[in-house]
């Protein structure tokens, strides 16, 4: 995995207001899946370190049966994580039916989907000198394309999509620990991420805000070398016409969304704030949004700056 960690879960500042961990009345069921090479084994090890009973490579057909067994032993196995991959395409094709059976039985579950960019996945397979499980006689990229097609629907319906492109193994383990700690995840965790549009949209963003309408400190010589974390740049951005109004209205618009996430048992969301290069405006606004969102009930907010430091 890569040697830097600057994406989801990498904290440059953390604000906690009114944390209320969810205390399950029955066993928690977490399904861990995603792209091969995206870090399922690392996630499984981190969960196991924090008290989860982890079952790896379970065929989807056995998911309902295992869940029933665990429910009967909820005191002994309060937290179950099931790791599933696509080494058997025929078996994995039944995942939709397996999840439908869980829902029909009243079993509450969450799906953690681990993803990464194609370039990162290719590099990880090449470094490990291992073939992709679906590449057959083709290239690694062929296997990745086949896997993406197979997992598209599951990714779209996942409770949490975690992009591990910029994580090393330690960064991913830390992110898993923050999300699924010993006490269980907080009701809602938000990651407010700044980024630069010229470097591409964040793959795992639930909401994207464009703050390129604000004056750009890049064109102010004394501010250009600094970042949105510096007071002079922050003040320049936030006192600009429309800046405070944007922040206030954006937080207000998100309030029913956050309430809906809590009702639907969604525990994580990424709000991306973009400017041209991800150095000035998006950083300052992301920091301000984090402060405002942290005042919402039962919310933990982390702030990350994806492109800070790039030229």
C-alpha atoms as a PDB file:
ATOM      1  CA  UNK A   1       0.000   0.000   0.000  1.00  0.00           C
ATOM      2  CA  UNK A   2       1.156   3.583  -0.528  1.00  0.00           C
ATOM      3  CA  UNK A   3       3.489   5.321   1.882  1.00  0.00           C
ATOM      4  CA  UNK A   4       1.306   8.350   2.591  1.00  0.00           C
ATOM      5  CA  UNK A   5      -2.053   8.746   4.212  1.00  0.00           C
ATOM      6  CA  UNK A   6      -3.866  11.936   3.301  1.00  0.00           C
ATOM      7  CA  UNK A   7      -7.401  10.846   2.485  1.00  0.00           C
ATOM      8  CA  UNK A   8     -10.345   9.512   4.449  1.00  0.00           C
ATOM      9  CA  UNK A   9      -9.781   9.196   8.161  1.00  0.00           C
ATOM     10  CA  UNK A  10      -6.487  11.089   8.234  1.00  0.00           C
ATOM     11  CA  UNK A  11      -7.025  13.762  10.868  1.00  0.00           C
ATOM     12  CA  UNK A  12      -5.406  17.153  10.760  1.00  0.00           C
ATOM     13  CA  UNK A  13      -7.892  18.371  13.347  1.00  0.00           C
ATOM     14  CA  UNK A  14     -10.713  16.728  15.232  1.00  0.00           C
ATOM     15  CA  UNK A  15     -13.777  18.188  16.880  1.00  0.00           C
ATOM     16  CA  UNK A  16     -16.080  16.147  19.085  1.00  0.00           C
ATOM     17  CA  UNK A  17     -19.407  17.438  20.333  1.00  0.00           C
ATOM     18  CA  UNK A  18     -21.942  15.326  22.229  1.00  0.00           C
ATOM     19  CA  UNK A  19     -20.600  11.922  21.214  1.00  0.00           C
ATOM     20  CA  UNK A  20     -23.116   9.133  21.803  1.00  0.00           C
ATOM     21  CA  UNK A  21     -21.744   5.722  20.828  1.00  0.00           C
ATOM     22  CA  UNK A  22     -24.332   3.281  19.595  1.00  0.00           C
ATOM     23  CA  UNK A  23     -24.760   0.473  22.111  1.00  0.00           C
ATOM     24  CA  UNK A  24     -26.224  -2.484  20.219  1.00  0.00           C
ATOM     25  CA  UNK A  25     -28.895  -4.615  21.863  1.00  0.00           C
ATOM     26  CA  UNK A  26     -27.855  -7.608  19.752  1.00  0.00           C
ATOM     27  CA  UNK A  27     -24.775  -8.657  17.838  1.00  0.00           C
ATOM     28  CA  UNK A  28     -23.427  -6.172  15.350  1.00  0.00           C
ATOM     29  CA  UNK A  29     -22.944  -7.567  11.851  1.00  0.00           C
ATOM     30  CA  UNK A  30     -20.440  -5.857   9.578  1.00  0.00           C
ATOM     31  CA  UNK A  31     -19.827  -7.116   6.049  1.00  0.00           C
ATOM     32  CA  UNK A  32     -16.376  -6.147   4.785  1.00  0.00           C
ATOM     33  CA  UNK A  33     -15.880  -6.341   1.038  1.00  0.00           C
ATOM     34  CA  UNK A  34     -14.470  -4.312  -1.819  1.00  0.00           C
ATOM     35  CA  UNK A  35     -11.776  -4.370  -4.447  1.00  0.00           C
ATOM     36  CA  UNK A  36      -8.983  -6.902  -4.246  1.00  0.00           C
ATOM     37  CA  UNK A  37      -5.859  -5.079  -3.094  1.00  0.00           C
ATOM     38  CA  UNK A  38      -7.821  -2.343  -1.327  1.00  0.00           C
ATOM     39  CA  UNK A  39      -6.954  -3.602   2.165  1.00  0.00           C
ATOM     40  CA  UNK A  40      -9.529  -6.147   3.309  1.00  0.00           C
ATOM     41  CA  UNK A  41      -6.952  -8.191   5.232  1.00  0.00           C
ATOM     42  CA  UNK A  42      -5.596  -5.108   6.990  1.00  0.00           C
ATOM     43  CA  UNK A  43      -9.131  -4.050   7.909  1.00  0.00           C
ATOM     44  CA  UNK A  44      -9.917  -7.555   9.186  1.00  0.00           C
ATOM     45  CA  UNK A  45      -6.817  -7.566  11.395  1.00  0.00           C
ATOM     46  CA  UNK A  46      -7.672  -4.133  12.814  1.00  0.00           C
ATOM     47  CA  UNK A  47     -11.238  -5.218  13.601  1.00  0.00           C
ATOM     48  CA  UNK A  48      -9.982  -8.375  15.280  1.00  0.00           C
ATOM     49  CA  UNK A  49      -7.630  -6.276  17.424  1.00  0.00           C
ATOM     50  CA  UNK A  50     -10.659  -4.348  18.692  1.00  0.00           C
ATOM     51  CA  UNK A  51     -12.801  -7.263  19.755  1.00  0.00           C
ATOM     52  CA  UNK A  52     -14.592  -8.214  16.551  1.00  0.00           C
ATOM     53  CA  UNK A  53     -15.074 -11.877  15.706  1.00  0.00           C
ATOM     54  CA  UNK A  54     -13.834 -12.011  12.112  1.00  0.00           C
ATOM     55  CA  UNK A  55     -14.766 -14.657   9.541  1.00  0.00           C
ATOM     56  CA  UNK A  56     -12.898 -14.389   6.247  1.00  0.00           C
ATOM     57  CA  UNK A  57     -13.806 -15.635   2.762  1.00  0.00           C
ATOM     58  CA  UNK A  58     -17.322 -16.691   3.728  1.00  0.00           C
ATOM     59  CA  UNK A  59     -19.528 -17.732   0.775  1.00  0.00           C
ATOM     60  CA  UNK A  60     -22.596 -15.456   0.634  1.00  0.00           C
ATOM     61  CA  UNK A  61     -24.894 -18.486   0.878  1.00  0.00           C
ATOM     62  CA  UNK A  62     -23.714 -19.073   4.458  1.00  0.00           C
ATOM     63  CA  UNK A  63     -24.135 -15.479   5.577  1.00  0.00           C
ATOM     64  CA  UNK A  64     -27.688 -15.856   6.864  1.00  0.00           C
ATOM     65  CA  UNK A  65     -26.876 -19.101   8.682  1.00  0.00           C
ATOM     66  CA  UNK A  66     -23.840 -17.612  10.384  1.00  0.00           C
ATOM     67  CA  UNK A  67     -25.823 -14.543  11.399  1.00  0.00           C
ATOM     68  CA  UNK A  68     -28.480 -16.711  13.048  1.00  0.00           C
ATOM     69  CA  UNK A  69     -25.861 -18.663  14.986  1.00  0.00           C
ATOM     70  CA  UNK A  70     -24.250 -15.465  16.234  1.00  0.00           C
ATOM     71  CA  UNK A  71     -27.580 -13.930  17.262  1.00  0.00           C
ATOM     72  CA  UNK A  72     -28.116 -16.903  19.570  1.00  0.00           C
ATOM     73  CA  UNK A  73     -24.680 -16.270  21.066  1.00  0.00           C
ATOM     74  CA  UNK A  74     -24.859 -12.474  21.115  1.00  0.00           C
ATOM     75  CA  UNK A  75     -23.345 -12.192  24.591  1.00  0.00           C
ATOM     76  CA  UNK A  76     -20.304 -14.243  23.575  1.00  0.00           C
ATOM     77  CA  UNK A  77     -19.966 -12.745  20.069  1.00  0.00           C
ATOM     78  CA  UNK A  78     -21.306  -9.184  20.268  1.00  0.00           C
ATOM     79  CA  UNK A  79     -19.523  -8.002  17.116  1.00  0.00           C
ATOM     80  CA  UNK A  80     -19.212 -10.104  13.966  1.00  0.00           C
ATOM     81  CA  UNK A  81     -17.303  -9.017  10.849  1.00  0.00           C
ATOM     82  CA  UNK A  82     -17.629 -11.111   7.698  1.00  0.00           C
ATOM     83  CA  UNK A  83     -15.014 -10.576   4.980  1.00  0.00           C
ATOM     84  CA  UNK A  84     -16.094 -11.555   1.457  1.00  0.00           C
ATOM     85  CA  UNK A  85     -14.234 -11.357  -1.836  1.00  0.00           C
ATOM     86  CA  UNK A  86     -14.781 -12.394  -5.447  1.00  0.00           C
ATOM     87  CA  UNK A  87     -12.422 -15.315  -5.765  1.00  0.00           C
ATOM     88  CA  UNK A  88     -15.449 -17.372  -6.706  1.00  0.00           C
ATOM     89  CA  UNK A  89     -17.563 -15.340  -9.134  1.00  0.00           C
ATOM     90  CA  UNK A  90     -20.327 -17.953  -9.100  1.00  0.00           C
ATOM     91  CA  UNK A  91     -20.673 -17.755  -5.318  1.00  0.00           C
ATOM     92  CA  UNK A  92     -20.373 -13.972  -5.140  1.00  0.00           C
ATOM     93  CA  UNK A  93     -23.169 -13.577  -7.666  1.00  0.00           C
ATOM     94  CA  UNK A  94     -25.547 -14.656  -4.885  1.00  0.00           C
ATOM     95  CA  UNK A  95     -24.644 -11.744  -2.618  1.00  0.00           C
ATOM     96  CA  UNK A  96     -27.809  -9.806  -3.478  1.00  0.00           C
ATOM     97  CA  UNK A  97     -30.037 -12.689  -2.428  1.00  0.00           C
ATOM     98  CA  UNK A  98     -28.006 -13.234   0.746  1.00  0.00           C
ATOM     99  CA  UNK A  99     -28.391  -9.600   1.801  1.00  0.00           C
ATOM    100  CA  UNK A 100     -32.109  -9.712   0.978  1.00  0.00           C
ATOM    101  CA  UNK A 101     -32.484 -12.717   3.282  1.00  0.00           C
ATOM    102  CA  UNK A 102     -30.758 -10.816   6.086  1.00  0.00           C
ATOM    103  CA  UNK A 103     -33.127  -7.872   5.651  1.00  0.00           C
ATOM    104  CA  UNK A 104     -36.186 -10.149   5.488  1.00  0.00           C
ATOM    105  CA  UNK A 105     -35.165 -11.807   8.753  1.00  0.00           C
ATOM    106  CA  UNK A 106     -34.883  -8.439  10.468  1.00  0.00           C
ATOM    107  CA  UNK A 107     -31.118  -8.700  10.840  1.00  0.00           C
ATOM    108  CA  UNK A 108     -29.430  -5.307  10.975  1.00  0.00           C
ATOM    109  CA  UNK A 109     -26.131  -5.147   9.150  1.00  0.00           C
ATOM    110  CA  UNK A 110     -23.725  -2.679   7.624  1.00  0.00           C
ATOM    111  CA  UNK A 111     -21.517  -2.993   4.558  1.00  0.00           C
ATOM    112  CA  UNK A 112     -17.980  -1.572   4.533  1.00  0.00           C
ATOM    113  CA  UNK A 113     -16.675  -1.330   0.957  1.00  0.00           C
ATOM    114  CA  UNK A 114     -12.941  -0.778   0.527  1.00  0.00           C
ATOM    115  CA  UNK A 115     -11.864   0.820  -2.731  1.00  0.00           C
ATOM    116  CA  UNK A 116      -8.791   2.358  -4.349  1.00  0.00           C
ATOM    117  CA  UNK A 117      -7.868   3.842  -7.707  1.00  0.00           C
ATOM    118  CA  UNK A 118      -6.936   1.464 -10.529  1.00  0.00           C
ATOM    119  CA  UNK A 119      -3.371   2.796 -10.632  1.00  0.00           C
ATOM    120  CA  UNK A 120      -2.892   2.141  -6.924  1.00  0.00           C
ATOM    121  CA  UNK A 121      -4.391  -1.360  -7.156  1.00  0.00           C
ATOM    122  CA  UNK A 122      -2.138  -2.240 -10.088  1.00  0.00           C
ATOM    123  CA  UNK A 123       0.911  -0.996  -8.199  1.00  0.00           C
ATOM    124  CA  UNK A 124       0.003  -3.031  -5.121  1.00  0.00           C
ATOM    125  CA  UNK A 125      -0.402  -6.232  -7.132  1.00  0.00           C
ATOM    126  CA  UNK A 126       2.869  -5.609  -8.959  1.00  0.00           C
ATOM    127  CA  UNK A 127       4.701  -4.957  -5.694  1.00  0.00           C
ATOM    128  CA  UNK A 128       3.269  -8.135  -4.202  1.00  0.00           C
ATOM    129  CA  UNK A 129       4.016 -10.092  -7.398  1.00  0.00           C
ATOM    130  CA  UNK A 130       0.588 -11.651  -7.269  1.00  0.00           C
ATOM    131  CA  UNK A 131      -2.029 -11.964 -10.017  1.00  0.00           C
ATOM    132  CA  UNK A 132      -5.457 -10.434  -9.668  1.00  0.00           C
ATOM    133  CA  UNK A 133      -7.989 -13.180  -8.805  1.00  0.00           C
ATOM    134  CA  UNK A 134     -10.112 -12.356 -11.888  1.00  0.00           C
ATOM    135  CA  UNK A 135      -7.445 -11.576 -14.497  1.00  0.00           C
ATOM    136  CA  UNK A 136      -7.226 -15.131 -15.835  1.00  0.00           C
ATOM    137  CA  UNK A 137      -4.801 -15.088 -18.753  1.00  0.00           C
ATOM    138  CA  UNK A 138      -5.096 -11.314 -19.160  1.00  0.00           C
ATOM    139  CA  UNK A 139      -3.515  -8.333 -17.451  1.00  0.00           C
ATOM    140  CA  UNK A 140      -4.010  -7.065 -13.904  1.00  0.00           C
ATOM    141  CA  UNK A 141      -6.046  -4.181 -15.317  1.00  0.00           C
ATOM    142  CA  UNK A 142      -8.400  -6.702 -16.956  1.00  0.00           C
ATOM    143  CA  UNK A 143      -9.047  -8.361 -13.617  1.00  0.00           C
ATOM    144  CA  UNK A 144      -9.669  -5.003 -11.933  1.00  0.00           C
ATOM    145  CA  UNK A 145     -12.153  -3.999 -14.645  1.00  0.00           C
ATOM    146  CA  UNK A 146     -14.023  -7.302 -14.276  1.00  0.00           C
ATOM    147  CA  UNK A 147     -14.146  -6.933 -10.506  1.00  0.00           C
ATOM    148  CA  UNK A 148     -15.441  -3.353 -10.686  1.00  0.00           C
ATOM    149  CA  UNK A 149     -18.253  -4.452 -12.966  1.00  0.00           C
ATOM    150  CA  UNK A 150     -19.156  -7.256 -10.581  1.00  0.00           C
ATOM    151  CA  UNK A 151     -19.106  -5.044  -7.485  1.00  0.00           C
ATOM    152  CA  UNK A 152     -20.781  -1.893  -8.835  1.00  0.00           C
ATOM    153  CA  UNK A 153     -24.191  -2.549  -7.287  1.00  0.00           C
ATOM    154  CA  UNK A 154     -22.751  -3.615  -3.933  1.00  0.00           C
ATOM    155  CA  UNK A 155     -20.596  -0.473  -3.797  1.00  0.00           C
ATOM    156  CA  UNK A 156     -23.596   1.720  -4.549  1.00  0.00           C
ATOM    157  CA  UNK A 157     -25.535   0.220  -1.625  1.00  0.00           C
ATOM    158  CA  UNK A 158     -22.661   0.101   0.879  1.00  0.00           C
ATOM    159  CA  UNK A 159     -23.113   1.830   4.230  1.00  0.00           C
ATOM    160  CA  UNK A 160     -19.561   3.147   4.028  1.00  0.00           C
ATOM    161  CA  UNK A 161     -17.165   3.396   1.093  1.00  0.00           C
ATOM    162  CA  UNK A 162     -13.581   3.899   2.246  1.00  0.00           C
ATOM    163  CA  UNK A 163     -11.017   4.923  -0.374  1.00  0.00           C
ATOM    164  CA  UNK A 164      -7.627   3.530   0.662  1.00  0.00           C
ATOM    165  CA  UNK A 165      -5.599   4.932  -2.250  1.00  0.00           C
ATOM    166  CA  UNK A 166      -3.531   7.200  -0.015  1.00  0.00           C
ATOM    167  CA  UNK A 167      -3.277   4.877   2.981  1.00  0.00           C
ATOM    168  CA  UNK A 168      -0.418   2.666   4.007  1.00  0.00           C
ATOM    169  CA  UNK A 169      -1.276  -0.310   6.220  1.00  0.00           C
ATOM    170  CA  UNK A 170      -0.881   1.762   9.382  1.00  0.00           C
ATOM    171  CA  UNK A 171      -3.097   4.546   8.086  1.00  0.00           C
ATOM    172  CA  UNK A 172      -5.854   2.115   7.144  1.00  0.00           C
ATOM    173  CA  UNK A 173      -5.656   0.353  10.508  1.00  0.00           C
ATOM    174  CA  UNK A 174      -5.988   3.723  12.224  1.00  0.00           C
ATOM    175  CA  UNK A 175      -9.030   4.635  10.123  1.00  0.00           C
ATOM    176  CA  UNK A 176     -10.708   1.310  10.928  1.00  0.00           C
ATOM    177  CA  UNK A 177      -9.969   1.826  14.614  1.00  0.00           C
ATOM    178  CA  UNK A 178     -11.555   5.283  14.542  1.00  0.00           C
ATOM    179  CA  UNK A 179     -14.657   4.013  12.757  1.00  0.00           C
ATOM    180  CA  UNK A 180     -15.178   0.759  14.648  1.00  0.00           C
ATOM    181  CA  UNK A 181     -13.656   1.217  18.055  1.00  0.00           C
ATOM    182  CA  UNK A 182     -14.167  -0.981  21.078  1.00  0.00           C
ATOM    183  CA  UNK A 183     -17.236   1.038  22.102  1.00  0.00           C
ATOM    184  CA  UNK A 184     -18.789   0.881  18.660  1.00  0.00           C
ATOM    185  CA  UNK A 185     -18.964   3.668  16.089  1.00  0.00           C
ATOM    186  CA  UNK A 186     -20.345   7.062  16.961  1.00  0.00           C
ATOM    187  CA  UNK A 187     -23.780   7.815  15.610  1.00  0.00           C
ATOM    188  CA  UNK A 188     -22.391   9.841  12.700  1.00  0.00           C
ATOM    189  CA  UNK A 189     -18.817  10.610  11.665  1.00  0.00           C
ATOM    190  CA  UNK A 190     -18.168  13.255   9.032  1.00  0.00           C
ATOM    191  CA  UNK A 191     -14.937  13.820   7.163  1.00  0.00           C
ATOM    192  CA  UNK A 192     -14.697  17.321   5.702  1.00  0.00           C
ATOM    193  CA  UNK A 193     -12.029  17.180   3.003  1.00  0.00           C
ATOM    194  CA  UNK A 194     -10.480  20.006   1.020  1.00  0.00           C
ATOM    195  CA  UNK A 195      -9.197  19.256  -2.474  1.00  0.00           C
ATOM    196  CA  UNK A 196      -8.101  20.842  -5.739  1.00  0.00           C
ATOM    197  CA  UNK A 197     -10.286  20.396  -8.798  1.00  0.00           C
ATOM    198  CA  UNK A 198      -7.207  20.264 -11.018  1.00  0.00           C
ATOM    199  CA  UNK A 199      -6.203  17.037  -9.271  1.00  0.00           C
ATOM    200  CA  UNK A 200      -9.603  15.392  -9.748  1.00  0.00           C
ATOM    201  CA  UNK A 201     -12.698  14.832  -7.642  1.00  0.00           C
ATOM    202  CA  UNK A 202     -12.352  12.669  -4.489  1.00  0.00           C
ATOM    203  CA  UNK A 203     -13.677   9.213  -5.370  1.00  0.00           C
ATOM    204  CA  UNK A 204     -15.472   8.720  -2.058  1.00  0.00           C
ATOM    205  CA  UNK A 205     -17.142  12.129  -1.641  1.00  0.00           C
ATOM    206  CA  UNK A 206     -20.829  12.041  -0.728  1.00  0.00           C
ATOM    207  CA  UNK A 207     -21.198  15.785  -1.279  1.00  0.00           C
ATOM    208  CA  UNK A 208     -18.997  18.217  -3.216  1.00  0.00           C
ATOM    209  CA  UNK A 209     -18.942  21.976  -2.640  1.00  0.00           C
ATOM    210  CA  UNK A 210     -17.247  24.326  -5.106  1.00  0.00           C
ATOM    211  CA  UNK A 211     -15.766  27.456  -3.513  1.00  0.00           C
ATOM    212  CA  UNK A 212     -14.032  28.802  -6.609  1.00  0.00           C
ATOM    213  CA  UNK A 213     -16.536  31.664  -6.533  1.00  0.00           C
ATOM    214  CA  UNK A 214     -14.481  33.264  -3.738  1.00  0.00           C
ATOM    215  CA  UNK A 215     -11.499  35.559  -4.418  1.00  0.00           C
ATOM    216  CA  UNK A 216      -8.318  33.532  -4.865  1.00  0.00           C
ATOM    217  CA  UNK A 217      -5.440  34.322  -2.450  1.00  0.00           C
ATOM    218  CA  UNK A 218      -3.095  32.888  -5.081  1.00  0.00           C
ATOM    219  CA  UNK A 219      -3.237  36.268  -6.829  1.00  0.00           C
ATOM    220  CA  UNK A 220      -2.210  38.161  -3.692  1.00  0.00           C
ATOM    221  CA  UNK A 221       1.619  38.021  -3.600  1.00  0.00           C
ATOM    222  CA  UNK A 222       1.948  38.126   0.193  1.00  0.00           C
ATOM    223  CA  UNK A 223      -0.646  35.344   0.609  1.00  0.00           C
ATOM    224  CA  UNK A 224       0.374  33.038  -2.248  1.00  0.00           C
ATOM    225  CA  UNK A 225       3.108  31.128  -0.322  1.00  0.00           C
ATOM    226  CA  UNK A 226       0.760  30.431   2.598  1.00  0.00           C
ATOM    227  CA  UNK A 227      -2.218  28.072   2.973  1.00  0.00           C
ATOM    228  CA  UNK A 228      -5.779  28.222   4.198  1.00  0.00           C
ATOM    229  CA  UNK A 229      -4.530  27.133   7.621  1.00  0.00           C
ATOM    230  CA  UNK A 230      -2.707  30.446   8.061  1.00  0.00           C
ATOM    231  CA  UNK A 231      -4.737  33.191   9.788  1.00  0.00           C
ATOM    232  CA  UNK A 232      -4.086  35.807   7.103  1.00  0.00           C
ATOM    233  CA  UNK A 233      -5.309  33.535   4.312  1.00  0.00           C
ATOM    234  CA  UNK A 234      -8.228  32.260   6.389  1.00  0.00           C
ATOM    235  CA  UNK A 235      -9.380  35.801   7.165  1.00  0.00           C
ATOM    236  CA  UNK A 236      -8.999  36.869   3.529  1.00  0.00           C
ATOM    237  CA  UNK A 237     -11.174  33.989   2.361  1.00  0.00           C
ATOM    238  CA  UNK A 238     -13.829  34.068   5.070  1.00  0.00           C
ATOM    239  CA  UNK A 239     -14.446  37.818   5.011  1.00  0.00           C
ATOM    240  CA  UNK A 240     -14.967  37.780   1.252  1.00  0.00           C
ATOM    241  CA  UNK A 241     -18.427  38.648   0.018  1.00  0.00           C
ATOM    242  CA  UNK A 242     -20.664  35.573   0.252  1.00  0.00           C
ATOM    243  CA  UNK A 243     -18.254  33.346   2.214  1.00  0.00           C
ATOM    244  CA  UNK A 244     -20.023  33.329   5.576  1.00  0.00           C
ATOM    245  CA  UNK A 245     -23.433  33.188   3.917  1.00  0.00           C
ATOM    246  CA  UNK A 246     -22.305  30.127   1.947  1.00  0.00           C
ATOM    247  CA  UNK A 247     -21.018  28.328   5.041  1.00  0.00           C
ATOM    248  CA  UNK A 248     -24.157  29.058   7.054  1.00  0.00           C
ATOM    249  CA  UNK A 249     -26.537  28.012   4.289  1.00  0.00           C
ATOM    250  CA  UNK A 250     -24.537  24.887   3.465  1.00  0.00           C
ATOM    251  CA  UNK A 251     -24.614  23.707   7.073  1.00  0.00           C
ATOM    252  CA  UNK A 252     -28.334  24.464   7.214  1.00  0.00           C
ATOM    253  CA  UNK A 253     -28.920  22.481   4.006  1.00  0.00           C
ATOM    254  CA  UNK A 254     -27.029  19.508   5.459  1.00  0.00           C
ATOM    255  CA  UNK A 255     -29.067  19.346   8.679  1.00  0.00           C
ATOM    256  CA  UNK A 256     -31.928  17.223   7.233  1.00  0.00           C
ATOM    257  CA  UNK A 257     -29.334  15.067   5.460  1.00  0.00           C
ATOM    258  CA  UNK A 258     -27.525  14.309   8.728  1.00  0.00           C
ATOM    259  CA  UNK A 259     -30.818  13.552  10.447  1.00  0.00           C
ATOM    260  CA  UNK A 260     -31.693  11.166   7.624  1.00  0.00           C
ATOM    261  CA  UNK A 261     -28.318   9.440   7.883  1.00  0.00           C
ATOM    262  CA  UNK A 262     -28.948   8.785  11.560  1.00  0.00           C
ATOM    263  CA  UNK A 263     -32.419   7.381  10.841  1.00  0.00           C
ATOM    264  CA  UNK A 264     -31.003   5.091   8.151  1.00  0.00           C
ATOM    265  CA  UNK A 265     -28.147   3.910  10.400  1.00  0.00           C
ATOM    266  CA  UNK A 266     -25.502   5.453   8.137  1.00  0.00           C
ATOM    267  CA  UNK A 267     -22.412   6.140  10.194  1.00  0.00           C
ATOM    268  CA  UNK A 268     -19.990   7.896   7.866  1.00  0.00           C
ATOM    269  CA  UNK A 269     -20.005  10.544   5.132  1.00  0.00           C
ATOM    270  CA  UNK A 270     -17.401  12.614   3.310  1.00  0.00           C
ATOM    271  CA  UNK A 271     -18.061  16.248   2.433  1.00  0.00           C
ATOM    272  CA  UNK A 272     -15.528  17.527  -0.090  1.00  0.00           C
ATOM    273  CA  UNK A 273     -14.787  21.232  -0.536  1.00  0.00           C
ATOM    274  CA  UNK A 274     -12.898  22.151  -3.674  1.00  0.00           C
ATOM    275  CA  UNK A 275     -11.050  25.109  -5.117  1.00  0.00           C
ATOM    276  CA  UNK A 276      -8.574  25.203  -7.988  1.00  0.00           C
ATOM    277  CA  UNK A 277      -5.464  23.834  -6.292  1.00  0.00           C
ATOM    278  CA  UNK A 278      -6.672  22.757  -2.847  1.00  0.00           C
ATOM    279  CA  UNK A 279      -4.323  25.126  -1.034  1.00  0.00           C
ATOM    280  CA  UNK A 280      -6.155  28.300  -0.010  1.00  0.00           C
ATOM    281  CA  UNK A 281      -9.931  28.696  -0.343  1.00  0.00           C
ATOM    282  CA  UNK A 282     -11.023  25.077   0.064  1.00  0.00           C
ATOM    283  CA  UNK A 283      -8.766  24.605   3.097  1.00  0.00           C
ATOM    284  CA  UNK A 284     -10.094  27.687   4.893  1.00  0.00           C
ATOM    285  CA  UNK A 285     -13.731  26.881   4.119  1.00  0.00           C
ATOM    286  CA  UNK A 286     -13.322  23.198   5.062  1.00  0.00           C
ATOM    287  CA  UNK A 287     -11.932  24.217   8.448  1.00  0.00           C
ATOM    288  CA  UNK A 288     -14.838  26.596   9.008  1.00  0.00           C
ATOM    289  CA  UNK A 289     -17.400  24.006   7.912  1.00  0.00           C
ATOM    290  CA  UNK A 290     -15.869  21.487  10.297  1.00  0.00           C
ATOM    291  CA  UNK A 291     -16.298  23.851  13.226  1.00  0.00           C
ATOM    292  CA  UNK A 292     -19.934  24.528  12.349  1.00  0.00           C
ATOM    293  CA  UNK A 293     -20.831  20.883  11.658  1.00  0.00           C
ATOM    294  CA  UNK A 294     -19.220  19.769  14.916  1.00  0.00           C
ATOM    295  CA  UNK A 295     -21.929  21.722  16.714  1.00  0.00           C
ATOM    296  CA  UNK A 296     -24.574  19.353  15.341  1.00  0.00           C
ATOM    297  CA  UNK A 297     -25.862  16.738  17.844  1.00  0.00           C
ATOM    298  CA  UNK A 298     -24.231  13.293  17.900  1.00  0.00           C
ATOM    299  CA  UNK A 299     -21.657  14.117  15.254  1.00  0.00           C
ATOM    300  CA  UNK A 300     -17.873  13.733  15.161  1.00  0.00           C
ATOM    301  CA  UNK A 301     -16.052  15.752  12.515  1.00  0.00           C
ATOM    302  CA  UNK A 302     -12.557  15.159  11.183  1.00  0.00           C
ATOM    303  CA  UNK A 303     -10.840  17.461   8.719  1.00  0.00           C
ATOM    304  CA  UNK A 304      -8.420  16.370   6.017  1.00  0.00           C
ATOM    305  CA  UNK A 305      -6.677  18.297   3.259  1.00  0.00           C
ATOM    306  CA  UNK A 306      -6.017  15.992   0.337  1.00  0.00           C
ATOM    307  CA  UNK A 307      -3.935  18.260  -1.863  1.00  0.00           C
ATOM    308  CA  UNK A 308      -2.279  20.516   0.674  1.00  0.00           C
ATOM    309  CA  UNK A 309       1.454  20.570  -0.042  1.00  0.00           C
ATOM    310  CA  UNK A 310       1.165  19.898  -3.761  1.00  0.00           C
ATOM    311  CA  UNK A 311       2.685  22.431  -6.086  1.00  0.00           C
END
